[in-house]
Amino acid sequence: MPTSVYSTMEATDQAYYDRKLLERAKPELVHAMFGQDRPLKDKSTKQIIFRRWEALTPNTTALIEGVTPLGSTLSKTDITATLAQYGDFVTVTDILEWTSRDDVLNDAADVLGEQEGQSLDQVCRDVIVAGTSVFCATDDAGATGTTRTDIDGLINVVAMNKVLRFLQNGNAKPFTKLIKPSTGIGTQGILPAYWAIVHPYTFYSLRGLSGFVSVKDYPSQQEAMPSEVGSHREARFAMTTFAKAFPDAGANVASGHLSTGSTKEDVYATVFLAMNAYGKVPLTAHATEMITKPLGAGEDPLNQRSTVGWKAAQVFKLLNNAFMSRLETGVLAAISFLVISSTFSLFGALVA
């Protein structure tokens, strides 16, 4: 395959395809939105060291007049992250370009941009869910353990409070500031909060819990980000279908719960994040790039092939297990009949 990048593609054309990549990719990166951002400059290094100075133990011993105390020793933790490359491409033949009614290269750029975003999102997600702090819901009343195979409970208030207590006890800093109540009817103030990433299946149960505030009831809609669906106490929730799921990984499936194989609970992870829980390191000029080669580029003597692809140089790294935790739960298999019946009744009233 050709090895030259861009070949005879005009700079303005290449800039257009780069924009296509960004337009499709950015909204997919929900998991990567909450990391400590540390870009690397080109021609510097492929590694970065995250350094954390550990806190000193409080000294409650009074000084003795004229006597110098022993003093303390600084200690540090170094975490090394090494850049990795990801990418993919598609080939478009001359015949396809000539005979298709669609703008194939343009459509290919759209599809590849979406793939790039989803790929990096999953890479980041899998780093995050490897954290050591986990609460596994073993019932709907708030009992939790640490073993996934014991899970048969849905998301619930008590279990979420345990996660929040863990973060607060570890001095984990929330991302967001207080959103004060407004004079708008039905609006509610939002506490300084951690971010939580939730799957739509889990959100179905979450939205019915006491104390949950829908994003539509925020006093300021400008304070919400596009994927945000609401808040509960000191957590604000961003929803994505790429939240981590473990099919058939829980206990024996409870009645009404989702199971891929009809025997064991499907388990869904809701990840709670504080500031500096993980780092994301893009290579500044090559964090993401679209590579487009027209017919005749490289070893293509008969002008038969065009290619469109993407390439990214990034790394995600877990920095502090005390600043993140995940709540693993089961989810309901389907919308209840009562809700469906209510919907039909309302529809009937509207059209009567």
Protein backbone atom coordinates (compact mmCIF):
# COMPACT_ATOMS: atom_id res chain seq x y z
CA MET A 1 0.00 0.00 0.00
CA PRO A 2 1.14 3.61 -0.51
CA THR A 3 3.39 5.05 2.17
CA SER A 4 3.38 8.75 1.28
CA VAL A 5 0.94 10.87 3.28
CA TYR A 6 -1.41 13.30 1.52
CA SER A 7 0.41 12.79 -1.82
CA THR A 8 -1.08 15.26 -4.33
CA MET A 9 -4.01 16.20 -2.09
CA GLU A 10 -4.31 19.98 -1.85
CA ALA A 11 -3.82 21.50 1.61
CA THR A 12 -7.34 22.98 1.60
CA ASP A 13 -8.80 19.56 0.78
CA GLN A 14 -6.83 17.93 3.58
CA ALA A 15 -7.99 20.58 6.06
CA TYR A 16 -11.57 19.77 5.08
CA TYR A 17 -11.11 16.08 5.88
CA ASP A 18 -9.38 16.91 9.16
CA ARG A 19 -12.46 18.92 10.15
CA LYS A 20 -14.69 15.97 9.23
CA LEU A 21 -12.69 13.84 11.65
CA LEU A 22 -13.07 16.31 14.49
CA GLU A 23 -16.78 16.88 13.88
CA ARG A 24 -17.56 13.19 14.16
CA ALA A 25 -15.03 12.22 16.84
CA LYS A 26 -15.31 14.79 19.62
CA PRO A 27 -18.86 14.05 20.85
CA GLU A 28 -17.98 10.36 21.31
CA LEU A 29 -15.17 10.95 23.80
CA VAL A 30 -17.28 11.04 26.97
CA HIS A 31 -14.82 8.97 29.01
CA ALA A 32 -11.86 11.14 28.04
CA MET A 33 -13.52 14.40 29.08
CA PHE A 34 -12.62 14.20 32.76
CA GLY A 35 -8.90 13.42 32.79
CA GLN A 36 -5.89 15.52 33.68
CA ASP A 37 -4.77 16.82 30.29
CA ARG A 38 -0.99 16.70 29.67
CA PRO A 39 -0.19 17.09 25.95
CA LEU A 40 3.30 16.24 24.71
CA LYS A 41 5.07 18.46 22.21
CA ASP A 42 6.37 16.98 18.98
CA LYS A 43 10.01 15.87 18.93
CA SER A 44 10.24 15.71 22.70
CA THR A 45 9.59 12.20 24.03
CA LYS A 46 7.10 9.35 23.80
CA GLN A 47 6.86 9.06 27.59
CA ILE A 48 5.59 11.31 30.34
CA ILE A 49 5.98 10.93 34.11
CA PHE A 50 3.10 11.94 36.36
CA ARG A 51 4.56 12.76 39.78
CA ARG A 52 2.54 12.98 42.98
CA TRP A 53 4.07 14.21 46.24
CA GLU A 54 2.48 12.29 49.09
CA ALA A 55 0.93 14.16 52.01
CA LEU A 56 2.88 14.47 55.25
CA THR A 57 1.48 13.02 58.46
CA PRO A 58 0.16 15.80 60.74
CA ASN A 59 2.63 16.65 63.50
CA THR A 60 0.82 17.31 66.78
CA THR A 61 3.91 17.24 69.03
CA ALA A 62 4.76 20.62 70.52
CA LEU A 63 8.25 21.97 69.85
CA ILE A 64 10.72 22.00 72.74
CA GLU A 65 12.33 25.37 73.31
CA GLY A 66 15.76 25.53 71.69
CA VAL A 67 15.55 22.00 70.28
CA THR A 68 15.41 21.35 66.52
CA PRO A 69 12.89 18.60 65.69
CA LEU A 70 13.79 15.59 63.54
CA GLY A 71 11.80 16.84 60.56
CA SER A 72 9.97 14.83 57.92
CA THR A 73 10.95 13.27 54.60
CA LEU A 74 9.18 13.97 51.33
CA SER A 75 7.98 10.94 49.40
CA LYS A 76 6.70 10.77 45.85
CA THR A 77 4.91 8.43 43.48
CA ASP A 78 5.91 8.42 39.81
CA ILE A 79 3.60 7.00 37.16
CA THR A 80 4.99 6.61 33.64
CA ALA A 81 2.74 6.73 30.57
CA THR A 82 3.96 5.81 27.08
CA LEU A 83 2.28 7.06 23.92
CA ALA A 84 0.51 4.50 21.76
CA GLN A 85 -0.72 4.80 18.16
CA TYR A 86 -4.14 3.77 16.91
CA GLY A 87 -5.64 3.96 13.46
CA ASP A 88 -7.53 2.41 10.56
CA PHE A 89 -8.32 3.12 6.91
CA VAL A 90 -10.60 2.10 4.04
CA THR A 91 -9.87 1.71 0.34
CA VAL A 92 -12.16 3.15 -2.32
CA THR A 93 -11.74 1.90 -5.88
CA ASP A 94 -11.95 4.01 -9.02
CA ILE A 95 -14.98 2.02 -10.24
CA LEU A 96 -16.85 2.70 -6.99
CA GLU A 97 -16.10 6.43 -7.21
CA TRP A 98 -17.22 6.52 -10.86
CA THR A 99 -20.44 4.56 -10.47
CA SER A 100 -21.73 5.38 -6.98
CA ARG A 101 -24.41 8.00 -6.56
CA ASP A 102 -22.85 8.93 -3.21
CA ASP A 103 -19.77 11.01 -2.46
CA VAL A 104 -17.89 7.94 -1.27
CA LEU A 105 -14.75 9.65 0.05
CA ASN A 106 -16.82 12.16 1.99
CA ASP A 107 -19.00 9.40 3.46
CA ALA A 108 -15.90 7.35 4.30
CA ALA A 109 -14.46 10.33 6.20
CA ASP A 110 -17.69 10.53 8.20
CA VAL A 111 -17.63 6.85 9.11
CA LEU A 112 -13.92 6.84 9.97
CA GLY A 113 -14.30 9.96 12.12
CA GLU A 114 -16.99 8.19 14.10
CA GLN A 115 -14.82 5.07 14.40
CA GLU A 116 -11.88 7.13 15.64
CA GLY A 117 -13.95 8.74 18.37
CA GLN A 118 -15.45 5.47 19.52
CA SER A 119 -12.08 3.69 19.46
CA LEU A 120 -10.31 6.23 21.69
CA ASP A 121 -13.35 6.41 23.96
CA GLN A 122 -13.17 2.67 24.56
CA VAL A 123 -9.40 2.75 25.11
CA CYS A 124 -9.90 5.41 27.80
CA ARG A 125 -12.91 3.60 29.29
CA ASP A 126 -10.99 0.34 29.71
CA VAL A 127 -8.22 2.16 31.59
CA ILE A 128 -10.75 3.75 33.93
CA VAL A 129 -12.68 0.57 34.73
CA ALA A 130 -9.43 -1.15 35.73
CA GLY A 131 -9.41 0.89 38.94
CA THR A 132 -9.25 -1.02 42.22
CA SER A 133 -12.22 0.64 43.99
CA VAL A 134 -15.49 -1.12 43.22
CA PHE A 135 -18.89 -1.46 44.92
CA CYS A 136 -20.98 -4.39 43.67
CA ALA A 137 -24.71 -4.13 44.35
CA THR A 138 -25.89 -7.40 45.87
CA ASP A 139 -29.48 -6.21 46.44
CA ASP A 140 -31.71 -3.19 45.83
CA ALA A 141 -31.50 -1.95 49.44
CA GLY A 142 -27.84 -0.85 49.41
CA ALA A 143 -25.87 -3.98 50.33
CA THR A 144 -22.57 -4.06 48.44
CA GLY A 145 -19.58 -6.32 48.06
CA THR A 146 -16.49 -6.49 45.86
CA THR A 147 -17.28 -9.61 43.82
CA ARG A 148 -18.96 -9.21 40.45
CA THR A 149 -20.46 -12.69 40.49
CA ASP A 150 -22.56 -11.70 43.55
CA ILE A 151 -24.35 -8.84 41.77
CA ASP A 152 -28.13 -8.99 41.45
CA GLY A 153 -29.14 -5.50 42.63
CA LEU A 154 -30.08 -2.38 40.68
CA ILE A 155 -28.57 1.06 41.17
CA ASN A 156 -29.87 2.55 44.42
CA VAL A 157 -29.38 5.54 46.70
CA VAL A 158 -27.54 3.74 49.53
CA ALA A 159 -25.00 2.15 47.18
CA MET A 160 -24.32 5.49 45.49
CA ASN A 161 -23.86 7.15 48.87
CA LYS A 162 -21.21 4.54 49.70
CA VAL A 163 -19.31 5.48 46.56
CA LEU A 164 -19.55 9.17 47.38
CA ARG A 165 -18.40 8.53 50.94
CA PHE A 166 -15.36 6.66 49.59
CA LEU A 167 -14.38 9.60 47.39
CA GLN A 168 -14.99 12.21 50.08
CA ASN A 169 -13.03 10.20 52.66
CA GLY A 170 -10.10 10.08 50.24
CA ASN A 171 -10.13 13.89 49.93
CA ALA A 172 -11.06 13.59 46.27
CA LYS A 173 -11.90 16.97 44.79
CA PRO A 174 -15.18 17.47 42.90
CA PHE A 175 -15.10 18.92 39.39
CA THR A 176 -18.03 21.28 39.50
CA LYS A 177 -19.03 24.24 41.60
CA LEU A 178 -22.40 24.89 43.22
CA ILE A 179 -25.19 25.83 40.81
CA LYS A 180 -27.42 28.12 42.83
CA PRO A 181 -31.21 27.77 42.64
CA SER A 182 -32.96 30.23 40.38
CA THR A 183 -36.39 31.81 40.51
CA GLY A 184 -37.56 29.47 37.74
CA ILE A 185 -40.46 27.21 38.61
CA GLY A 186 -39.34 23.71 39.55
CA THR A 187 -35.59 24.40 39.36
CA GLN A 188 -33.24 23.03 42.00
CA GLY A 189 -29.73 23.96 43.11
CA ILE A 190 -26.94 21.49 42.25
CA LEU A 191 -24.19 20.71 44.76
CA PRO A 192 -20.47 20.74 43.89
CA ALA A 193 -20.16 17.34 42.26
CA TYR A 194 -18.09 14.48 40.93
CA TRP A 195 -18.80 13.23 37.42
CA ALA A 196 -20.34 9.80 36.88
CA ILE A 197 -20.57 7.98 33.56
CA VAL A 198 -23.75 5.94 33.23
CA HIS A 199 -25.28 3.62 30.62
CA PRO A 200 -28.83 4.31 29.37
CA TYR A 201 -29.97 0.96 30.83
CA THR A 202 -28.72 1.99 34.28
CA PHE A 203 -30.11 5.50 33.85
CA TYR A 204 -33.59 4.02 33.41
CA SER A 205 -33.53 3.00 37.09
CA LEU A 206 -31.45 5.97 38.25
CA ARG A 207 -33.96 8.56 37.07
CA GLY A 208 -36.68 7.06 39.30
CA LEU A 209 -34.68 7.27 42.53
CA SER A 210 -35.62 9.72 45.26
CA GLY A 211 -33.47 12.84 45.07
CA PHE A 212 -32.58 12.55 41.40
CA VAL A 213 -32.68 15.91 39.59
CA SER A 214 -33.20 15.86 35.83
CA VAL A 215 -31.00 18.16 33.80
CA LYS A 216 -34.15 19.94 32.61
CA ASP A 217 -34.67 21.12 36.21
CA TYR A 218 -31.23 22.71 36.56
CA PRO A 219 -31.42 26.42 37.37
CA SER A 220 -29.03 27.15 34.48
CA GLN A 221 -29.11 25.04 31.33
CA GLN A 222 -25.83 26.64 30.24
CA GLU A 223 -24.11 24.86 33.14
CA ALA A 224 -24.92 21.41 31.72
CA MET A 225 -22.74 19.64 29.18
CA PRO A 226 -24.29 17.97 26.08
CA SER A 227 -24.27 14.39 27.40
CA GLU A 228 -25.42 15.28 30.93
CA VAL A 229 -28.73 13.78 32.06
CA GLY A 230 -29.04 14.85 35.69
CA SER A 231 -27.59 14.78 39.19
CA HIS A 232 -27.99 13.03 42.51
CA ARG A 233 -26.48 14.57 45.64
CA GLU A 234 -22.75 15.13 44.90
CA ALA A 235 -22.72 13.37 41.51
CA ARG A 236 -23.60 14.62 38.03
CA PHE A 237 -24.24 12.02 35.36
CA ALA A 238 -23.05 11.87 31.75
CA MET A 239 -24.77 9.17 29.71
CA THR A 240 -23.21 7.05 26.96
CA THR A 241 -23.99 3.72 25.32
CA PHE A 242 -20.25 2.94 25.63
CA ALA A 243 -20.36 2.70 29.42
CA LYS A 244 -18.73 -0.60 30.39
CA ALA A 245 -20.93 -3.69 30.48
CA PHE A 246 -20.13 -7.27 31.49
CA PRO A 247 -22.68 -9.67 29.94
CA ASP A 248 -23.66 -12.68 32.09
CA ALA A 249 -21.10 -11.71 34.75
CA GLY A 250 -23.34 -11.40 37.83
CA ALA A 251 -25.30 -13.74 40.09
CA ASN A 252 -28.26 -15.83 38.98
CA VAL A 253 -30.52 -13.45 37.10
CA ALA A 254 -33.28 -11.89 39.19
CA SER A 255 -36.81 -11.70 37.85
CA GLY A 256 -37.19 -8.80 35.44
CA HIS A 257 -33.45 -8.17 35.10
CA LEU A 258 -31.44 -8.20 31.88
CA SER A 259 -29.43 -11.30 31.02
CA THR A 260 -27.73 -11.96 27.69
CA GLY A 261 -27.71 -15.70 28.22
CA SER A 262 -30.92 -15.87 30.33
CA THR A 263 -29.06 -17.35 33.33
CA LYS A 264 -26.73 -14.76 34.88
CA GLU A 265 -27.15 -11.04 35.48
CA ASP A 266 -25.70 -8.64 32.94
CA VAL A 267 -23.55 -6.19 34.91
CA TYR A 268 -23.21 -2.48 34.07
CA ALA A 269 -20.56 -0.19 35.57
CA THR A 270 -21.27 3.41 36.58
CA VAL A 271 -17.91 5.11 37.02
CA PHE A 272 -17.58 8.02 39.50
CA LEU A 273 -14.64 10.34 38.87
CA ALA A 274 -12.98 13.10 40.88
CA MET A 275 -10.34 15.53 39.63
CA ASN A 276 -6.96 13.98 38.73
CA ALA A 277 -8.22 10.40 38.77
CA TYR A 278 -6.56 9.68 35.43
CA GLY A 279 -4.41 11.42 32.86
CA LYS A 280 -4.74 11.79 29.11
CA VAL A 281 -1.66 12.50 27.01
CA PRO A 282 -2.04 13.40 23.32
CA LEU A 283 0.91 14.11 21.06
CA THR A 284 0.08 17.73 20.28
CA ALA A 285 0.31 17.84 16.48
CA HIS A 286 -0.72 14.22 15.96
CA ALA A 287 -3.39 13.61 18.61
CA THR A 288 -5.80 12.81 15.77
CA GLU A 289 -5.29 13.21 12.04
CA MET A 290 -7.09 12.22 8.88
CA ILE A 291 -4.96 10.84 6.03
CA THR A 292 -6.48 10.99 2.56
CA LYS A 293 -4.74 9.73 -0.59
CA PRO A 294 -6.29 10.26 -4.01
CA LEU A 295 -6.25 7.91 -7.00
CA GLY A 296 -2.68 7.38 -8.16
CA ALA A 297 -0.94 8.01 -4.86
CA GLY A 298 2.03 5.77 -4.07
CA GLU A 299 2.16 2.39 -5.83
CA ASP A 300 -1.00 2.79 -7.88
CA PRO A 301 0.16 2.94 -11.55
CA LEU A 302 -3.37 2.67 -12.98
CA ASN A 303 -5.05 5.13 -10.61
CA GLN A 304 -7.33 2.43 -9.19
CA ARG A 305 -7.35 3.13 -5.46
CA SER A 306 -8.04 5.99 -3.08
CA THR A 307 -7.66 5.57 0.66
CA VAL A 308 -9.02 7.44 3.66
CA GLY A 309 -7.82 6.74 7.17
CA TRP A 310 -7.24 8.11 10.62
CA LYS A 311 -4.33 7.92 13.02
CA ALA A 312 -4.02 8.99 16.66
CA ALA A 313 -1.14 9.16 19.13
CA GLN A 314 -2.48 9.23 22.69
CA VAL A 315 -2.29 7.44 26.01
CA PHE A 316 -4.61 7.32 29.02
CA LYS A 317 -3.25 6.47 32.47
CA LEU A 318 -4.86 5.79 35.85
CA LEU A 319 -3.27 8.14 38.41
CA ASN A 320 -5.03 7.69 41.74
CA ASN A 321 -7.40 4.89 42.74
CA ALA A 322 -8.67 6.99 45.66
CA PHE A 323 -10.07 9.55 43.23
CA MET A 324 -12.36 7.20 41.34
CA SER A 325 -14.70 4.31 41.98
CA ARG A 326 -17.29 2.33 40.09
CA LEU A 327 -20.67 1.03 41.11
CA GLU A 328 -21.52 -2.24 39.35
CA THR A 329 -25.19 -3.21 39.17
CA GLY A 330 -27.75 -5.19 37.28
CA VAL A 331 -30.31 -3.47 35.05
CA LEU A 332 -33.96 -4.01 34.23
CA ALA A 333 -34.73 -6.10 31.17
CA ALA A 334 -37.51 -3.91 29.74
CA ILE A 335 -39.84 -0.99 30.43
CA SER A 336 -42.58 -2.05 32.78
CA PHE A 337 -46.10 -2.68 31.46
CA LEU A 338 -47.43 0.03 33.78
CA VAL A 339 -45.32 2.67 32.07
CA ILE A 340 -46.33 1.45 28.62
CA SER A 341 -50.00 1.44 29.61
CA SER A 342 -49.73 4.98 30.95
CA THR A 343 -48.20 6.11 27.68
CA PHE A 344 -50.98 4.54 25.66
CA SER A 345 -53.63 6.10 27.91
CA LEU A 346 -52.11 9.54 27.48
CA PHE A 347 -51.92 9.06 23.73
CA GLY A 348 -55.53 7.96 23.69
CA ALA A 349 -56.54 11.09 25.59
CA LEU A 350 -54.64 13.29 23.17
CA VAL A 351 -56.25 11.88 20.02
CA ALA A 352 -59.76 11.44 21.42
